[in-house]
Amino acid sequence: MPVKVQKWGSSLALRIPAQFVDEMGIREGTLVELSVSKDCLVATPAHLQTLRLKDLLAKVTKANIHPEVDLQ
């Protein structure tokens, strides 16, 4: 399906036809990852990583921890 590239501010934009929107289950505000594969522009829904405090704290080491700061 041919789609026209149009100017949007200083960038270029494509309109996603409703048929593709419905098929992919995306809506306004959906984040997508853009990539190039074999000379094709590919847009896939972005999967946001769920961060857990336990995993973040596991990355704290003596080398990257900062000292306490007194704000009084």
N, C-alpha and C. Protein backbone atom coordinates (compact mmCIF):
# COMPACT_ATOMS: atom_id res chain seq x y z
N MET A 1 0.84 -1.17 0.00
CA MET A 1 0.00 0.00 0.00
C MET A 1 0.89 1.24 0.00
N PRO A 2 0.88 2.03 -1.04
CA PRO A 2 1.70 3.25 -1.08
C PRO A 2 1.21 4.28 -0.07
N VAL A 3 2.16 4.87 0.65
CA VAL A 3 1.87 5.93 1.62
C VAL A 3 2.84 7.06 1.38
N LYS A 4 2.34 8.29 1.38
CA LYS A 4 3.16 9.47 1.07
C LYS A 4 3.91 9.95 2.31
N VAL A 5 5.21 10.19 2.17
CA VAL A 5 6.02 10.79 3.23
C VAL A 5 5.76 12.29 3.21
N GLN A 6 5.48 12.85 4.39
CA GLN A 6 5.16 14.28 4.47
C GLN A 6 6.03 14.96 5.52
N LYS A 7 6.19 16.26 5.38
CA LYS A 7 6.97 17.07 6.31
C LYS A 7 6.16 17.26 7.59
N TRP A 8 6.84 17.11 8.74
CA TRP A 8 6.21 17.37 10.04
C TRP A 8 7.26 18.07 10.89
N GLY A 9 7.17 19.40 10.96
CA GLY A 9 8.21 20.20 11.62
C GLY A 9 9.50 20.04 10.84
N SER A 10 10.59 19.70 11.52
CA SER A 10 11.86 19.49 10.83
C SER A 10 12.08 18.02 10.49
N SER A 11 11.07 17.18 10.73
CA SER A 11 11.18 15.75 10.47
C SER A 11 10.27 15.35 9.31
N LEU A 12 10.29 14.08 8.99
CA LEU A 12 9.37 13.52 8.00
C LEU A 12 8.45 12.54 8.72
N ALA A 13 7.25 12.38 8.19
CA ALA A 13 6.26 11.52 8.86
C ALA A 13 5.53 10.66 7.85
N LEU A 14 5.04 9.52 8.34
CA LEU A 14 4.18 8.63 7.57
C LEU A 14 2.88 8.48 8.33
N ARG A 15 1.77 8.43 7.61
CA ARG A 15 0.50 8.10 8.25
C ARG A 15 0.33 6.60 8.19
N ILE A 16 -0.07 6.01 9.30
CA ILE A 16 -0.28 4.57 9.35
C ILE A 16 -1.74 4.30 9.03
N PRO A 17 -2.03 3.60 7.95
CA PRO A 17 -3.43 3.31 7.59
C PRO A 17 -4.14 2.53 8.69
N ALA A 18 -5.45 2.80 8.85
CA ALA A 18 -6.26 2.18 9.89
C ALA A 18 -6.18 0.65 9.86
N GLN A 19 -6.08 0.09 8.67
CA GLN A 19 -5.99 -1.37 8.53
C GLN A 19 -4.78 -1.90 9.31
N PHE A 20 -3.64 -1.22 9.21
CA PHE A 20 -2.43 -1.66 9.91
C PHE A 20 -2.54 -1.37 11.41
N VAL A 21 -3.13 -0.25 11.76
CA VAL A 21 -3.32 0.10 13.16
C VAL A 21 -4.14 -0.98 13.86
N ASP A 22 -5.23 -1.38 13.24
CA ASP A 22 -6.09 -2.41 13.81
C ASP A 22 -5.35 -3.75 13.92
N GLU A 23 -4.64 -4.10 12.87
CA GLU A 23 -3.93 -5.38 12.84
C GLU A 23 -2.84 -5.45 13.90
N MET A 24 -2.13 -4.33 14.12
CA MET A 24 -1.03 -4.31 15.08
C MET A 24 -1.48 -4.00 16.50
N GLY A 25 -2.72 -3.51 16.66
CA GLY A 25 -3.21 -3.19 17.99
C GLY A 25 -2.53 -1.98 18.58
N ILE A 26 -2.15 -1.02 17.75
CA ILE A 26 -1.53 0.20 18.25
C ILE A 26 -2.55 1.32 18.25
N ARG A 27 -2.23 2.36 19.01
CA ARG A 27 -3.11 3.53 19.07
C ARG A 27 -2.27 4.77 19.27
N GLU A 28 -2.89 5.92 19.26
CA GLU A 28 -2.16 7.17 19.45
C GLU A 28 -1.40 7.10 20.77
N GLY A 29 -0.13 7.45 20.74
CA GLY A 29 0.71 7.42 21.93
C GLY A 29 1.53 6.15 22.08
N THR A 30 1.26 5.13 21.26
CA THR A 30 2.03 3.89 21.32
C THR A 30 3.47 4.17 20.91
N LEU A 31 4.43 3.71 21.71
CA LEU A 31 5.84 3.84 21.35
C LEU A 31 6.22 2.72 20.41
N VAL A 32 6.98 3.05 19.37
CA VAL A 32 7.47 2.04 18.45
C VAL A 32 8.97 2.16 18.30
N GLU A 33 9.60 1.05 17.99
CA GLU A 33 11.03 1.00 17.67
C GLU A 33 11.14 1.05 16.16
N LEU A 34 11.97 1.96 15.65
CA LEU A 34 12.23 2.04 14.21
C LEU A 34 13.59 1.43 13.93
N SER A 35 13.66 0.64 12.87
CA SER A 35 14.93 0.04 12.47
C SER A 35 14.93 -0.13 10.95
N VAL A 36 16.09 -0.41 10.43
CA VAL A 36 16.24 -0.68 9.00
C VAL A 36 16.71 -2.11 8.86
N SER A 37 16.03 -2.87 8.02
CA SER A 37 16.39 -4.26 7.77
C SER A 37 16.29 -4.53 6.28
N LYS A 38 17.42 -4.88 5.67
CA LYS A 38 17.46 -5.18 4.24
C LYS A 38 16.81 -4.07 3.41
N ASP A 39 17.23 -2.83 3.69
CA ASP A 39 16.74 -1.64 2.97
C ASP A 39 15.25 -1.38 3.18
N CYS A 40 14.67 -1.90 4.28
CA CYS A 40 13.27 -1.65 4.61
C CYS A 40 13.19 -0.95 5.96
N LEU A 41 12.31 0.03 6.07
CA LEU A 41 12.04 0.68 7.34
C LEU A 41 11.03 -0.18 8.10
N VAL A 42 11.38 -0.56 9.33
CA VAL A 42 10.54 -1.46 10.11
C VAL A 42 10.14 -0.75 11.40
N ALA A 43 8.83 -0.72 11.70
CA ALA A 43 8.32 -0.14 12.95
C ALA A 43 7.66 -1.26 13.73
N THR A 44 8.15 -1.49 14.95
CA THR A 44 7.56 -2.52 15.80
C THR A 44 7.20 -1.89 17.15
N PRO A 45 6.09 -2.32 17.75
CA PRO A 45 5.73 -1.77 19.07
C PRO A 45 6.88 -1.98 20.05
N ALA A 46 7.22 -0.92 20.80
CA ALA A 46 8.30 -0.99 21.78
C ALA A 46 7.79 -1.71 23.02
N HIS A 47 8.61 -2.59 23.54
CA HIS A 47 8.28 -3.28 24.78
C HIS A 47 9.08 -2.63 25.88
N LEU A 48 8.38 -1.89 26.73
CA LEU A 48 9.07 -1.19 27.80
C LEU A 48 9.52 -2.17 28.87
N GLN A 49 10.74 -1.99 29.31
CA GLN A 49 11.32 -2.86 30.31
C GLN A 49 10.73 -2.53 31.68
N THR A 50 10.32 -3.53 32.41
CA THR A 50 9.83 -3.34 33.78
C THR A 50 11.03 -3.37 34.70
N LEU A 51 11.21 -2.28 35.43
CA LEU A 51 12.34 -2.19 36.35
C LEU A 51 11.89 -2.59 37.75
N ARG A 52 12.74 -3.40 38.42
CA ARG A 52 12.46 -3.80 39.79
C ARG A 52 13.57 -3.26 40.69
N LEU A 53 13.19 -2.76 41.86
CA LEU A 53 14.16 -2.20 42.79
C LEU A 53 15.26 -3.20 43.11
N LYS A 54 14.90 -4.44 43.30
CA LYS A 54 15.87 -5.50 43.62
C LYS A 54 16.95 -5.59 42.54
N ASP A 55 16.54 -5.53 41.27
CA ASP A 55 17.50 -5.62 40.16
C ASP A 55 18.38 -4.38 40.06
N LEU A 56 17.79 -3.22 40.32
CA LEU A 56 18.57 -1.98 40.28
C LEU A 56 19.61 -1.95 41.40
N LEU A 57 19.19 -2.33 42.60
CA LEU A 57 20.12 -2.33 43.74
C LEU A 57 21.24 -3.34 43.56
N ALA A 58 20.99 -4.41 42.83
CA ALA A 58 22.02 -5.42 42.58
C ALA A 58 23.17 -4.84 41.76
N LYS A 59 22.93 -3.76 41.07
CA LYS A 59 23.99 -3.14 40.25
C LYS A 59 24.83 -2.13 41.02
N VAL A 60 24.46 -1.83 42.27
CA VAL A 60 25.22 -0.90 43.09
C VAL A 60 26.45 -1.61 43.63
N THR A 61 27.62 -0.99 43.43
CA THR A 61 28.88 -1.56 43.93
C THR A 61 29.63 -0.48 44.71
N LYS A 62 30.70 -0.88 45.37
CA LYS A 62 31.53 0.10 46.07
C LYS A 62 32.14 1.11 45.10
N ALA A 63 32.35 0.69 43.87
CA ALA A 63 32.97 1.57 42.88
C ALA A 63 32.01 2.62 42.33
N ASN A 64 30.69 2.36 42.36
CA ASN A 64 29.77 3.33 41.75
C ASN A 64 28.81 3.99 42.74
N ILE A 65 28.97 3.71 44.05
CA ILE A 65 28.08 4.34 45.02
C ILE A 65 28.68 5.68 45.45
N HIS A 66 27.83 6.65 45.67
CA HIS A 66 28.32 7.96 46.09
C HIS A 66 28.09 8.12 47.59
N PRO A 67 28.83 9.03 48.21
CA PRO A 67 28.65 9.23 49.64
C PRO A 67 27.33 9.95 49.95
N GLU A 68 26.94 9.92 51.22
CA GLU A 68 25.75 10.64 51.63
C GLU A 68 25.95 12.13 51.42
N VAL A 69 24.83 12.83 51.18
CA VAL A 69 24.87 14.28 51.00
C VAL A 69 23.98 14.89 52.08
N ASP A 70 24.55 15.83 52.86
CA ASP A 70 23.78 16.49 53.91
C ASP A 70 23.10 17.71 53.29
N LEU A 71 21.79 17.70 53.27
CA LEU A 71 21.03 18.79 52.64
C LEU A 71 20.58 19.85 53.65
N GLN A 72 21.04 19.75 54.89
CA GLN A 72 20.63 20.74 55.90
C GLN A 72 21.61 21.85 56.02
